[in-house]
Amino acid sequence: MFKYPQLTSRHLYSAIKIGLKISALGIEKSAHQGDFFKLRKRYDLMGKIVPRSISRTHTVLGQMSATWFTPKKVSDRSVILYCHGGGYCIGSTQSHAALCGLIAKTCQRKVISINYRLAPEHAYPAMIDDGYTAYQALLAEGHSRIILMGDSAGGAMVLSLLQKIRDTGIQPPLCAVAMSPWVDFEMKSPTLYTHKDPILSKEMVATFTKYTFRHNSQKQHSLVYTNFEHLPPILITIAGGDVLEGENLQLATILKTANPTGRIEYWEGMPHVFQALHPLLKEAQLSVNHFKTFIESVL
């Protein structure tokens, strides 16, 4: 495991956390009320600012609406299939447009983000099925060099897709990146109850769990019980201040043996999916820089 100290000053980070907590109040209220229409609308505002050097093209991939993010400089023909976070209940190509733009610009690769089906309208694992369909569609379009990437629930989706691709025997991706993946759907991680994360609270995790999994199927689908053998190299980023820190460390222990060609990064003091807080946090850009280095190390 590679550990990185907090670089953003504590005073600045404290101010950022206060702002994040205030902005999260409306989102948490809508979540507790089950008002996903309002919640999704608020969440989409996160992705308003995209780097000017990135062009966006709306398309359809595997019968899903999707968006290509293309940087001015493209280093090779590999493409990134991005699975957005949002607890499988919220999120879209719009909510993660800023992050996808940052990734495309930094990694110098085209990124395609998909609008997969969401809960509560569609129960788990409908979203995994959509990710698999999107991956197959990219292969059918001639994209043979694919990188999977995602954050939070999207990070978990990436891990599930890797397993499904392995089990079905189709062409695997080159590698994968998962930021703060949500992998313990039973909510057993101690840090879920001890950490005060300005991005994600235990109450939000409980709400997402309630609406995503039917018939108490959380244990059946929790990734901490699944097989990670014989998968492409995986980069996992763990945030030290994240409520999901505990389950991410549990995952890291599993991957240390199961995925020896992968990489685990631990970022001290950082909140859930801190990469989305660029340019507020210095660590955000540094972490995404590491994505590029990791991708190029396995090509």
C-alpha atoms as a PDB file:
ATOM      1  CA  MET A   1       0.000   0.000   0.000  1.00  0.00           C
ATOM      2  CA  PHE A   2       1.296   3.443  -0.970  1.00  0.00           C
ATOM      3  CA  LYS A   3       0.499   6.176   1.563  1.00  0.00           C
ATOM      4  CA  TYR A   4       0.283   9.900   0.835  1.00  0.00           C
ATOM      5  CA  PRO A   5       0.156  12.646   3.494  1.00  0.00           C
ATOM      6  CA  GLN A   6      -2.433  15.403   3.497  1.00  0.00           C
ATOM      7  CA  LEU A   7      -1.099  18.392   1.550  1.00  0.00           C
ATOM      8  CA  THR A   8      -4.034  20.797   1.782  1.00  0.00           C
ATOM      9  CA  SER A   9      -3.641  22.933   4.917  1.00  0.00           C
ATOM     10  CA  ARG A  10      -5.877  21.958   7.827  1.00  0.00           C
ATOM     11  CA  HIS A  11      -7.349  25.474   8.030  1.00  0.00           C
ATOM     12  CA  LEU A  12      -8.314  25.454   4.359  1.00  0.00           C
ATOM     13  CA  TYR A  13      -9.649  21.913   4.557  1.00  0.00           C
ATOM     14  CA  SER A  14     -11.749  22.823   7.625  1.00  0.00           C
ATOM     15  CA  ALA A  15     -13.314  25.703   5.681  1.00  0.00           C
ATOM     16  CA  ILE A  16     -13.968  23.420   2.709  1.00  0.00           C
ATOM     17  CA  LYS A  17     -15.613  20.844   4.979  1.00  0.00           C
ATOM     18  CA  ILE A  18     -17.972  23.454   6.439  1.00  0.00           C
ATOM     19  CA  GLY A  19     -19.014  24.506   2.937  1.00  0.00           C
ATOM     20  CA  LEU A  20     -19.525  20.902   1.877  1.00  0.00           C
ATOM     21  CA  LYS A  21     -21.645  20.109   4.928  1.00  0.00           C
ATOM     22  CA  ILE A  22     -23.889  23.112   4.284  1.00  0.00           C
ATOM     23  CA  SER A  23     -24.344  22.193   0.617  1.00  0.00           C
ATOM     24  CA  ALA A  24     -25.086  18.584   1.591  1.00  0.00           C
ATOM     25  CA  LEU A  25     -28.011  19.504   3.849  1.00  0.00           C
ATOM     26  CA  GLY A  26     -30.499  19.806   0.997  1.00  0.00           C
ATOM     27  CA  ILE A  27     -29.259  16.600  -0.603  1.00  0.00           C
ATOM     28  CA  GLU A  28     -29.581  14.614   2.637  1.00  0.00           C
ATOM     29  CA  LYS A  29     -33.072  15.997   3.302  1.00  0.00           C
ATOM     30  CA  SER A  30     -34.260  14.941  -0.164  1.00  0.00           C
ATOM     31  CA  ALA A  31     -32.658  11.507   0.321  1.00  0.00           C
ATOM     32  CA  HIS A  32     -34.345  10.885   3.673  1.00  0.00           C
ATOM     33  CA  GLN A  33     -37.690  11.846   2.129  1.00  0.00           C
ATOM     34  CA  GLY A  34     -37.113   9.511  -0.814  1.00  0.00           C
ATOM     35  CA  ASP A  35     -37.458  12.455  -3.211  1.00  0.00           C
ATOM     36  CA  PHE A  36     -35.069  11.180  -5.855  1.00  0.00           C
ATOM     37  CA  PHE A  37     -36.304  13.567  -8.534  1.00  0.00           C
ATOM     38  CA  LYS A  38     -35.132  16.567  -6.491  1.00  0.00           C
ATOM     39  CA  LEU A  39     -32.044  14.728  -5.258  1.00  0.00           C
ATOM     40  CA  ARG A  40     -30.863  13.859  -8.767  1.00  0.00           C
ATOM     41  CA  LYS A  41     -31.442  17.419  -9.923  1.00  0.00           C
ATOM     42  CA  ARG A  42     -29.271  18.791  -7.100  1.00  0.00           C
ATOM     43  CA  TYR A  43     -26.580  16.176  -7.638  1.00  0.00           C
ATOM     44  CA  ASP A  44     -26.305  16.977 -11.335  1.00  0.00           C
ATOM     45  CA  LEU A  45     -25.192  20.515 -10.448  1.00  0.00           C
ATOM     46  CA  MET A  46     -21.842  19.074  -9.326  1.00  0.00           C
ATOM     47  CA  GLY A  47     -20.696  18.606 -12.893  1.00  0.00           C
ATOM     48  CA  LYS A  48     -21.246  22.093 -14.280  1.00  0.00           C
ATOM     49  CA  ILE A  49     -17.606  23.147 -14.716  1.00  0.00           C
ATOM     50  CA  VAL A  50     -15.747  21.101 -17.330  1.00  0.00           C
ATOM     51  CA  PRO A  51     -12.240  21.980 -18.610  1.00  0.00           C
ATOM     52  CA  ARG A  52     -12.489  24.172 -21.720  1.00  0.00           C
ATOM     53  CA  SER A  53     -10.088  21.914 -23.569  1.00  0.00           C
ATOM     54  CA  ILE A  54     -12.568  19.018 -23.360  1.00  0.00           C
ATOM     55  CA  SER A  55     -15.184  18.483 -26.052  1.00  0.00           C
ATOM     56  CA  ARG A  56     -18.384  16.642 -25.148  1.00  0.00           C
ATOM     57  CA  THR A  57     -20.340  14.463 -27.552  1.00  0.00           C
ATOM     58  CA  HIS A  58     -23.660  12.931 -26.549  1.00  0.00           C
ATOM     59  CA  THR A  59     -24.300   9.483 -27.965  1.00  0.00           C
ATOM     60  CA  VAL A  60     -26.026   6.142 -27.361  1.00  0.00           C
ATOM     61  CA  LEU A  61     -24.103   3.097 -26.158  1.00  0.00           C
ATOM     62  CA  GLY A  62     -25.876  -0.226 -25.753  1.00  0.00           C
ATOM     63  CA  GLN A  63     -29.247   1.583 -25.819  1.00  0.00           C
ATOM     64  CA  MET A  64     -28.117   3.892 -22.989  1.00  0.00           C
ATOM     65  CA  SER A  65     -27.519   7.603 -23.309  1.00  0.00           C
ATOM     66  CA  ALA A  66     -23.828   8.345 -22.871  1.00  0.00           C
ATOM     67  CA  THR A  67     -21.316  11.151 -23.243  1.00  0.00           C
ATOM     68  CA  TRP A  68     -17.838  11.128 -24.748  1.00  0.00           C
ATOM     69  CA  PHE A  69     -15.275  13.464 -23.142  1.00  0.00           C
ATOM     70  CA  THR A  70     -12.443  14.068 -25.611  1.00  0.00           C
ATOM     71  CA  PRO A  71      -9.254  15.980 -24.721  1.00  0.00           C
ATOM     72  CA  LYS A  72      -7.335  18.048 -27.268  1.00  0.00           C
ATOM     73  CA  LYS A  73      -4.393  15.686 -26.914  1.00  0.00           C
ATOM     74  CA  VAL A  74      -5.134  11.942 -27.104  1.00  0.00           C
ATOM     75  CA  SER A  75      -2.112   9.760 -26.345  1.00  0.00           C
ATOM     76  CA  ASP A  76      -3.347   6.449 -27.778  1.00  0.00           C
ATOM     77  CA  ARG A  77      -6.418   4.474 -28.847  1.00  0.00           C
ATOM     78  CA  SER A  78      -7.334   3.160 -25.414  1.00  0.00           C
ATOM     79  CA  VAL A  79     -10.609   4.509 -23.990  1.00  0.00           C
ATOM     80  CA  ILE A  80     -11.990   4.799 -20.471  1.00  0.00           C
ATOM     81  CA  LEU A  81     -15.487   3.489 -19.682  1.00  0.00           C
ATOM     82  CA  TYR A  82     -16.630   5.522 -16.679  1.00  0.00           C
ATOM     83  CA  CYS A  83     -19.228   4.346 -14.147  1.00  0.00           C
ATOM     84  CA  HIS A  84     -20.485   7.261 -12.052  1.00  0.00           C
ATOM     85  CA  GLY A  85     -21.129   7.102  -8.331  1.00  0.00           C
ATOM     86  CA  GLY A  86     -24.254   8.054  -6.421  1.00  0.00           C
ATOM     87  CA  GLY A  87     -25.243   5.024  -4.369  1.00  0.00           C
ATOM     88  CA  TYR A  88     -26.879   3.436  -7.431  1.00  0.00           C
ATOM     89  CA  CYS A  89     -29.786   5.857  -6.816  1.00  0.00           C
ATOM     90  CA  ILE A  90     -28.513   9.173  -8.188  1.00  0.00           C
ATOM     91  CA  GLY A  91     -25.874  10.428 -10.590  1.00  0.00           C
ATOM     92  CA  SER A  92     -25.543  10.762 -14.338  1.00  0.00           C
ATOM     93  CA  THR A  93     -23.189  11.749 -17.110  1.00  0.00           C
ATOM     94  CA  GLN A  94     -23.926  15.352 -16.072  1.00  0.00           C
ATOM     95  CA  SER A  95     -23.195  15.003 -12.338  1.00  0.00           C
ATOM     96  CA  HIS A  96     -19.759  13.579 -13.107  1.00  0.00           C
ATOM     97  CA  ALA A  97     -18.961  15.702 -16.162  1.00  0.00           C
ATOM     98  CA  ALA A  98     -16.347  17.791 -14.334  1.00  0.00           C
ATOM     99  CA  LEU A  99     -14.581  14.709 -12.966  1.00  0.00           C
ATOM    100  CA  CYS A 100     -14.719  12.908 -16.314  1.00  0.00           C
ATOM    101  CA  GLY A 101     -13.328  16.013 -17.996  1.00  0.00           C
ATOM    102  CA  LEU A 102     -10.461  16.169 -15.499  1.00  0.00           C
ATOM    103  CA  ILE A 103      -9.698  12.474 -16.050  1.00  0.00           C
ATOM    104  CA  ALA A 104      -9.820  12.802 -19.844  1.00  0.00           C
ATOM    105  CA  LYS A 105      -7.533  15.849 -19.802  1.00  0.00           C
ATOM    106  CA  THR A 106      -5.028  14.368 -17.339  1.00  0.00           C
ATOM    107  CA  CYS A 107      -4.930  10.830 -18.727  1.00  0.00           C
ATOM    108  CA  GLN A 108      -4.984  12.095 -22.338  1.00  0.00           C
ATOM    109  CA  ARG A 109      -7.620   9.555 -23.258  1.00  0.00           C
ATOM    110  CA  LYS A 110     -11.220   9.633 -24.388  1.00  0.00           C
ATOM    111  CA  VAL A 111     -13.691   8.923 -21.598  1.00  0.00           C
ATOM    112  CA  ILE A 112     -17.227   7.649 -22.138  1.00  0.00           C
ATOM    113  CA  SER A 113     -19.661   7.967 -19.235  1.00  0.00           C
ATOM    114  CA  ILE A 114     -22.972   6.094 -19.252  1.00  0.00           C
ATOM    115  CA  ASN A 115     -26.436   6.709 -17.819  1.00  0.00           C
ATOM    116  CA  TYR A 116     -27.177   3.277 -16.387  1.00  0.00           C
ATOM    117  CA  ARG A 117     -30.474   2.361 -14.726  1.00  0.00           C
ATOM    118  CA  LEU A 118     -30.933   3.594 -11.155  1.00  0.00           C
ATOM    119  CA  ALA A 119     -32.732   2.446  -8.022  1.00  0.00           C
ATOM    120  CA  PRO A 120     -35.399   2.559  -6.703  1.00  0.00           C
ATOM    121  CA  GLU A 121     -36.953   2.288 -10.167  1.00  0.00           C
ATOM    122  CA  HIS A 122     -34.601  -0.600 -10.954  1.00  0.00           C
ATOM    123  CA  ALA A 123     -33.225  -2.914  -8.275  1.00  0.00           C
ATOM    124  CA  TYR A 124     -29.657  -4.156  -8.096  1.00  0.00           C
ATOM    125  CA  PRO A 125     -28.063  -5.711 -10.190  1.00  0.00           C
ATOM    126  CA  ALA A 126     -29.768  -3.915 -13.129  1.00  0.00           C
ATOM    127  CA  MET A 127     -26.985  -1.329 -13.117  1.00  0.00           C
ATOM    128  CA  ILE A 128     -24.299  -4.022 -13.362  1.00  0.00           C
ATOM    129  CA  ASP A 129     -26.126  -5.524 -16.328  1.00  0.00           C
ATOM    130  CA  ASP A 130     -26.127  -2.104 -17.999  1.00  0.00           C
ATOM    131  CA  GLY A 131     -22.408  -1.685 -17.415  1.00  0.00           C
ATOM    132  CA  TYR A 132     -21.780  -5.070 -18.999  1.00  0.00           C
ATOM    133  CA  THR A 133     -23.962  -4.134 -21.972  1.00  0.00           C
ATOM    134  CA  ALA A 134     -22.008  -0.887 -22.403  1.00  0.00           C
ATOM    135  CA  TYR A 135     -18.700  -2.754 -22.268  1.00  0.00           C
ATOM    136  CA  GLN A 136     -19.880  -5.243 -24.897  1.00  0.00           C
ATOM    137  CA  ALA A 137     -21.079  -2.364 -27.079  1.00  0.00           C
ATOM    138  CA  LEU A 138     -17.652  -0.715 -26.931  1.00  0.00           C
ATOM    139  CA  LEU A 139     -16.019  -3.976 -28.000  1.00  0.00           C
ATOM    140  CA  ALA A 140     -18.529  -4.303 -30.848  1.00  0.00           C
ATOM    141  CA  GLU A 141     -17.646  -0.774 -32.000  1.00  0.00           C
ATOM    142  CA  GLY A 142     -14.007  -1.802 -32.316  1.00  0.00           C
ATOM    143  CA  HIS A 143     -12.652  -0.440 -29.030  1.00  0.00           C
ATOM    144  CA  SER A 144     -10.357  -3.288 -28.034  1.00  0.00           C
ATOM    145  CA  ARG A 145      -8.292  -1.326 -25.487  1.00  0.00           C
ATOM    146  CA  ILE A 146     -10.692  -0.442 -22.680  1.00  0.00           C
ATOM    147  CA  ILE A 147     -10.009   0.813 -19.161  1.00  0.00           C
ATOM    148  CA  LEU A 148     -12.760   0.621 -16.535  1.00  0.00           C
ATOM    149  CA  MET A 149     -13.039   3.462 -14.039  1.00  0.00           C
ATOM    150  CA  GLY A 150     -15.563   4.585 -11.444  1.00  0.00           C
ATOM    151  CA  ASP A 151     -16.141   6.182  -8.050  1.00  0.00           C
ATOM    152  CA  SER A 152     -18.063   5.069  -4.959  1.00  0.00           C
ATOM    153  CA  ALA A 153     -20.958   2.897  -6.175  1.00  0.00           C
ATOM    154  CA  GLY A 154     -19.442   3.271  -9.641  1.00  0.00           C
ATOM    155  CA  GLY A 155     -16.171   1.952  -8.236  1.00  0.00           C
ATOM    156  CA  ALA A 156     -18.022  -1.076  -6.906  1.00  0.00           C
ATOM    157  CA  MET A 157     -19.680  -1.398 -10.302  1.00  0.00           C
ATOM    158  CA  VAL A 158     -16.233  -1.538 -11.922  1.00  0.00           C
ATOM    159  CA  LEU A 159     -15.217  -4.386  -9.601  1.00  0.00           C
ATOM    160  CA  SER A 160     -18.439  -6.290 -10.314  1.00  0.00           C
ATOM    161  CA  LEU A 161     -17.944  -5.792 -14.048  1.00  0.00           C
ATOM    162  CA  LEU A 162     -14.416  -7.172 -13.861  1.00  0.00           C
ATOM    163  CA  GLN A 163     -15.772 -10.311 -12.220  1.00  0.00           C
ATOM    164  CA  LYS A 164     -18.627 -10.683 -14.697  1.00  0.00           C
ATOM    165  CA  ILE A 165     -16.313 -10.171 -17.680  1.00  0.00           C
ATOM    166  CA  ARG A 166     -13.929 -12.791 -16.271  1.00  0.00           C
ATOM    167  CA  ASP A 167     -16.740 -15.268 -15.597  1.00  0.00           C
ATOM    168  CA  THR A 168     -18.301 -14.886 -19.062  1.00  0.00           C
ATOM    169  CA  GLY A 169     -14.962 -15.231 -20.832  1.00  0.00           C
ATOM    170  CA  ILE A 170     -15.148 -12.170 -23.074  1.00  0.00           C
ATOM    171  CA  GLN A 171     -12.143  -9.958 -23.781  1.00  0.00           C
ATOM    172  CA  PRO A 172     -11.026  -8.318 -20.520  1.00  0.00           C
ATOM    173  CA  PRO A 173     -10.181  -4.629 -20.064  1.00  0.00           C
ATOM    174  CA  LEU A 174      -6.569  -3.492 -19.844  1.00  0.00           C
ATOM    175  CA  CYS A 175      -6.921  -2.401 -16.221  1.00  0.00           C
ATOM    176  CA  ALA A 176      -9.303  -0.674 -13.829  1.00  0.00           C
ATOM    177  CA  VAL A 177      -9.423   2.228 -11.367  1.00  0.00           C
ATOM    178  CA  ALA A 178     -11.867   2.419  -8.438  1.00  0.00           C
ATOM    179  CA  MET A 179     -12.083   5.526  -6.251  1.00  0.00           C
ATOM    180  CA  SER A 180     -13.501   4.997  -2.742  1.00  0.00           C
ATOM    181  CA  PRO A 181     -15.512   1.941  -3.860  1.00  0.00           C
ATOM    182  CA  TRP A 182     -18.655   1.020  -1.892  1.00  0.00           C
ATOM    183  CA  VAL A 183     -18.145  -2.709  -1.329  1.00  0.00           C
ATOM    184  CA  ASP A 184     -19.777  -3.653   2.004  1.00  0.00           C
ATOM    185  CA  PHE A 185     -23.517  -3.403   1.452  1.00  0.00           C
ATOM    186  CA  GLU A 186     -24.251  -4.747   4.962  1.00  0.00           C
ATOM    187  CA  MET A 187     -22.915  -1.536   6.558  1.00  0.00           C
ATOM    188  CA  LYS A 188     -20.589  -3.425   8.921  1.00  0.00           C
ATOM    189  CA  SER A 189     -17.541  -1.181   8.566  1.00  0.00           C
ATOM    190  CA  PRO A 190     -16.673   0.565  11.887  1.00  0.00           C
ATOM    191  CA  THR A 191     -15.574   3.764  10.121  1.00  0.00           C
ATOM    192  CA  LEU A 192     -19.096   4.179   8.791  1.00  0.00           C
ATOM    193  CA  TYR A 193     -20.054   5.113  12.358  1.00  0.00           C
ATOM    194  CA  THR A 194     -16.884   6.839  13.582  1.00  0.00           C
ATOM    195  CA  HIS A 195     -15.792   9.071  10.680  1.00  0.00           C
ATOM    196  CA  LYS A 196     -17.360  12.482  10.003  1.00  0.00           C
ATOM    197  CA  ASP A 197     -17.079  12.702   6.232  1.00  0.00           C
ATOM    198  CA  PRO A 198     -18.402  15.960   4.686  1.00  0.00           C
ATOM    199  CA  ILE A 199     -19.203  14.175   1.410  1.00  0.00           C
ATOM    200  CA  LEU A 200     -20.901  10.955   2.526  1.00  0.00           C
ATOM    201  CA  SER A 201     -22.675  10.130   5.802  1.00  0.00           C
ATOM    202  CA  LYS A 202     -23.827   6.820   7.253  1.00  0.00           C
ATOM    203  CA  GLU A 203     -27.406   8.094   6.865  1.00  0.00           C
ATOM    204  CA  MET A 204     -26.917   8.522   3.119  1.00  0.00           C
ATOM    205  CA  VAL A 205     -25.380   5.047   2.852  1.00  0.00           C
ATOM    206  CA  ALA A 206     -28.374   3.627   4.747  1.00  0.00           C
ATOM    207  CA  THR A 207     -30.773   5.376   2.363  1.00  0.00           C
ATOM    208  CA  PHE A 208     -28.971   4.090  -0.720  1.00  0.00           C
ATOM    209  CA  THR A 209     -28.911   0.571   0.729  1.00  0.00           C
ATOM    210  CA  LYS A 210     -32.621   0.681   1.524  1.00  0.00           C
ATOM    211  CA  TYR A 211     -33.647   1.662  -2.004  1.00  0.00           C
ATOM    212  CA  THR A 212     -31.072  -0.325  -4.002  1.00  0.00           C
ATOM    213  CA  PHE A 213     -31.350  -3.843  -2.586  1.00  0.00           C
ATOM    214  CA  ARG A 214     -34.611  -5.756  -2.415  1.00  0.00           C
ATOM    215  CA  HIS A 215     -35.527  -8.721  -0.214  1.00  0.00           C
ATOM    216  CA  ASN A 216     -32.577  -8.063   2.142  1.00  0.00           C
ATOM    217  CA  SER A 217     -30.105  -9.159  -0.534  1.00  0.00           C
ATOM    218  CA  GLN A 218     -27.248  -6.961   0.716  1.00  0.00           C
ATOM    219  CA  LYS A 219     -25.087  -9.841   1.947  1.00  0.00           C
ATOM    220  CA  GLN A 220     -25.644 -11.787  -1.272  1.00  0.00           C
ATOM    221  CA  HIS A 221     -24.189  -8.914  -3.304  1.00  0.00           C
ATOM    222  CA  SER A 222     -21.523  -7.500  -0.945  1.00  0.00           C
ATOM    223  CA  LEU A 223     -18.217  -7.514  -2.780  1.00  0.00           C
ATOM    224  CA  VAL A 224     -16.165  -8.300   0.331  1.00  0.00           C
ATOM    225  CA  TYR A 225     -17.352 -11.913  -0.055  1.00  0.00           C
ATOM    226  CA  THR A 226     -16.584 -12.292  -3.765  1.00  0.00           C
ATOM    227  CA  ASN A 227     -13.675 -13.688  -5.782  1.00  0.00           C
ATOM    228  CA  PHE A 228     -11.039 -11.240  -7.044  1.00  0.00           C
ATOM    229  CA  GLU A 229      -8.684 -13.813  -8.540  1.00  0.00           C
ATOM    230  CA  HIS A 230      -7.562 -13.630 -12.184  1.00  0.00           C
ATOM    231  CA  LEU A 231      -8.554 -10.015 -12.832  1.00  0.00           C
ATOM    232  CA  PRO A 232      -6.642  -7.292 -14.716  1.00  0.00           C
ATOM    233  CA  PRO A 233      -4.537  -4.869 -12.618  1.00  0.00           C
ATOM    234  CA  ILE A 234      -6.694  -2.709 -10.343  1.00  0.00           C
ATOM    235  CA  LEU A 235      -5.846   0.652  -8.779  1.00  0.00           C
ATOM    236  CA  ILE A 236      -7.852   1.377  -5.621  1.00  0.00           C
ATOM    237  CA  THR A 237      -7.753   4.787  -3.939  1.00  0.00           C
ATOM    238  CA  ILE A 238      -8.656   4.876  -0.244  1.00  0.00           C
ATOM    239  CA  ALA A 239      -9.471   8.155   1.519  1.00  0.00           C
ATOM    240  CA  GLY A 240      -8.433   8.328   5.176  1.00  0.00           C
ATOM    241  CA  GLY A 241     -11.405  10.461   6.230  1.00  0.00           C
ATOM    242  CA  ASP A 242     -13.973   8.507   4.216  1.00  0.00           C
ATOM    243  CA  VAL A 243     -16.794   6.674   6.005  1.00  0.00           C
ATOM    244  CA  LEU A 244     -15.965   3.788   3.653  1.00  0.00           C
ATOM    245  CA  GLU A 245     -12.318   3.698   4.766  1.00  0.00           C
ATOM    246  CA  GLY A 246     -12.779   0.509   6.803  1.00  0.00           C
ATOM    247  CA  GLU A 247     -14.323  -1.547   4.025  1.00  0.00           C
ATOM    248  CA  ASN A 248     -11.776  -0.192   1.551  1.00  0.00           C
ATOM    249  CA  LEU A 249      -8.959  -1.373   3.825  1.00  0.00           C
ATOM    250  CA  GLN A 250     -10.672  -4.765   4.013  1.00  0.00           C
ATOM    251  CA  LEU A 251     -10.765  -4.826   0.213  1.00  0.00           C
ATOM    252  CA  ALA A 252      -7.088  -3.838   0.094  1.00  0.00           C
ATOM    253  CA  THR A 253      -6.193  -6.865   2.219  1.00  0.00           C
ATOM    254  CA  ILE A 254      -8.059  -9.124  -0.208  1.00  0.00           C
ATOM    255  CA  LEU A 255      -6.482  -7.557  -3.297  1.00  0.00           C
ATOM    256  CA  LYS A 256      -2.962  -7.723  -1.887  1.00  0.00           C
ATOM    257  CA  THR A 257      -3.065 -11.477  -2.539  1.00  0.00           C
ATOM    258  CA  ALA A 258      -5.708 -11.760  -5.262  1.00  0.00           C
ATOM    259  CA  ASN A 259      -4.487  -8.905  -7.492  1.00  0.00           C
ATOM    260  CA  PRO A 260      -0.688  -8.710  -7.097  1.00  0.00           C
ATOM    261  CA  THR A 261      -0.241  -6.575 -10.232  1.00  0.00           C
ATOM    262  CA  GLY A 262      -2.605  -3.921  -8.873  1.00  0.00           C
ATOM    263  CA  ARG A 263      -1.943  -0.888  -6.700  1.00  0.00           C
ATOM    264  CA  ILE A 264      -3.505   0.414  -3.478  1.00  0.00           C
ATOM    265  CA  GLU A 265      -3.184   4.107  -2.595  1.00  0.00           C
ATOM    266  CA  TYR A 266      -4.091   5.534   0.814  1.00  0.00           C
ATOM    267  CA  TRP A 267      -4.614   9.302   1.023  1.00  0.00           C
ATOM    268  CA  GLU A 268      -4.496  10.559   4.599  1.00  0.00           C
ATOM    269  CA  GLY A 269      -7.331  12.759   5.820  1.00  0.00           C
ATOM    270  CA  MET A 270      -9.171  12.913   2.505  1.00  0.00           C
ATOM    271  CA  PRO A 271     -12.984  12.655   2.178  1.00  0.00           C
ATOM    272  CA  HIS A 272     -15.014  10.300   0.024  1.00  0.00           C
ATOM    273  CA  VAL A 273     -14.082  10.558  -3.688  1.00  0.00           C
ATOM    274  CA  PHE A 274     -11.836  13.552  -2.998  1.00  0.00           C
ATOM    275  CA  GLN A 275     -10.806  13.568  -6.673  1.00  0.00           C
ATOM    276  CA  ALA A 276     -14.130  15.296  -7.407  1.00  0.00           C
ATOM    277  CA  LEU A 277     -13.025  18.264  -5.274  1.00  0.00           C
ATOM    278  CA  HIS A 278     -10.511  19.515  -7.836  1.00  0.00           C
ATOM    279  CA  PRO A 279      -9.248  22.270  -7.750  1.00  0.00           C
ATOM    280  CA  LEU A 280     -10.107  22.851  -4.071  1.00  0.00           C
ATOM    281  CA  LEU A 281      -7.860  20.035  -2.859  1.00  0.00           C
ATOM    282  CA  LYS A 282      -4.265  19.675  -4.082  1.00  0.00           C
ATOM    283  CA  GLU A 283      -4.555  15.925  -3.617  1.00  0.00           C
ATOM    284  CA  ALA A 284      -7.302  15.633  -6.252  1.00  0.00           C
ATOM    285  CA  GLN A 285      -5.078  16.436  -9.232  1.00  0.00           C
ATOM    286  CA  LEU A 286      -2.173  14.432  -7.814  1.00  0.00           C
ATOM    287  CA  SER A 287      -4.366  11.359  -7.483  1.00  0.00           C
ATOM    288  CA  VAL A 288      -5.654  11.641 -11.047  1.00  0.00           C
ATOM    289  CA  ASN A 289      -2.047  12.064 -12.211  1.00  0.00           C
ATOM    290  CA  HIS A 290      -1.431   8.650 -10.669  1.00  0.00           C
ATOM    291  CA  PHE A 291      -4.268   7.201 -12.767  1.00  0.00           C
ATOM    292  CA  LYS A 292      -2.350   8.137 -15.904  1.00  0.00           C
ATOM    293  CA  THR A 293       0.884   6.670 -14.564  1.00  0.00           C
ATOM    294  CA  PHE A 294      -0.872   3.449 -13.566  1.00  0.00           C
ATOM    295  CA  ILE A 295      -2.631   3.064 -16.915  1.00  0.00           C
ATOM    296  CA  GLU A 296       0.569   3.588 -18.855  1.00  0.00           C
ATOM    297  CA  SER A 297       2.448   1.124 -16.645  1.00  0.00           C
ATOM    298  CA  VAL A 298       0.179  -1.730 -17.737  1.00  0.00           C
ATOM    299  CA  LEU A 299      -0.099  -0.917 -21.451  1.00  0.00           C
END
